[in-house]
């Protein structure tokens, strides 16, 4: 009977630790958007590629 309570307690603390780690990961934006970097290179950056004209006084 002692081992059952011991295993329930260990399971409770492990699940509590996993829950806090999940909350920390969400708050630190670990799951932000893993797909975006793959498609970022396909975007047209015509505005950024054009040279700007510098006016000299």
Protein backbone atom coordinates (compact mmCIF):
# COMPACT_ATOMS: atom_id res chain seq x y z
CA UNK A 1 0.00 0.00 0.00
CA UNK A 2 2.91 2.33 0.75
CA UNK A 3 4.32 1.88 -2.77
CA UNK A 4 0.98 2.86 -4.33
CA UNK A 5 0.88 6.17 -2.47
CA UNK A 6 4.54 6.73 -3.24
CA UNK A 7 3.99 6.19 -6.99
CA UNK A 8 0.91 8.44 -6.98
CA UNK A 9 2.95 11.18 -5.29
CA UNK A 10 5.85 10.81 -7.71
CA UNK A 11 3.43 10.86 -10.65
CA UNK A 12 1.76 13.99 -9.29
CA UNK A 13 5.06 15.87 -8.95
CA UNK A 14 6.30 14.79 -12.39
CA UNK A 15 3.05 15.89 -14.04
CA UNK A 16 3.16 19.19 -12.12
CA UNK A 17 6.73 19.79 -13.31
CA UNK A 18 5.74 18.98 -16.90
CA UNK A 19 2.82 21.42 -16.68
CA UNK A 20 5.07 24.23 -15.40
CA UNK A 21 7.62 23.54 -18.14
CA UNK A 22 4.86 23.71 -20.75
CA UNK A 23 3.58 27.02 -19.36
CA UNK A 24 7.13 28.42 -19.38
CA UNK A 25 7.65 27.31 -23.00
CA UNK A 26 4.42 28.96 -24.13
CA UNK A 27 5.21 32.22 -22.32
CA UNK A 28 8.73 32.37 -23.77
CA UNK A 29 7.26 31.89 -27.28
CA UNK A 30 8.89 28.54 -27.99
CA UNK A 31 5.82 27.51 -30.00
CA UNK A 32 5.53 30.79 -31.91
CA UNK A 33 5.52 29.71 -35.57
CA UNK A 34 7.88 26.96 -36.71
CA UNK A 35 6.64 27.05 -40.32
CA UNK A 36 7.34 30.71 -41.12
CA UNK A 37 11.14 30.56 -41.61
CA UNK A 38 10.76 28.04 -44.43
CA UNK A 39 8.53 30.35 -46.45
CA UNK A 40 10.20 33.65 -45.62
CA UNK A 41 12.73 33.21 -48.43
CA UNK A 42 9.90 32.93 -50.97
CA UNK A 43 8.51 36.38 -50.21
CA UNK A 44 9.11 39.13 -52.72
CA UNK A 45 11.34 41.80 -51.27
CA UNK A 46 11.30 44.18 -54.23
CA UNK A 47 11.05 47.24 -52.00
CA UNK A 48 14.07 46.23 -49.94
CA UNK A 49 16.19 45.34 -53.01
CA UNK A 50 15.76 48.71 -54.77
CA UNK A 51 18.62 51.13 -54.17
CA UNK A 52 17.61 54.35 -52.57
CA UNK A 53 18.65 57.69 -54.02
CA UNK A 54 20.62 59.76 -51.58
CA UNK A 55 20.25 63.48 -52.05
CA UNK A 56 23.50 65.34 -51.59
CA UNK A 57 23.19 68.92 -50.32
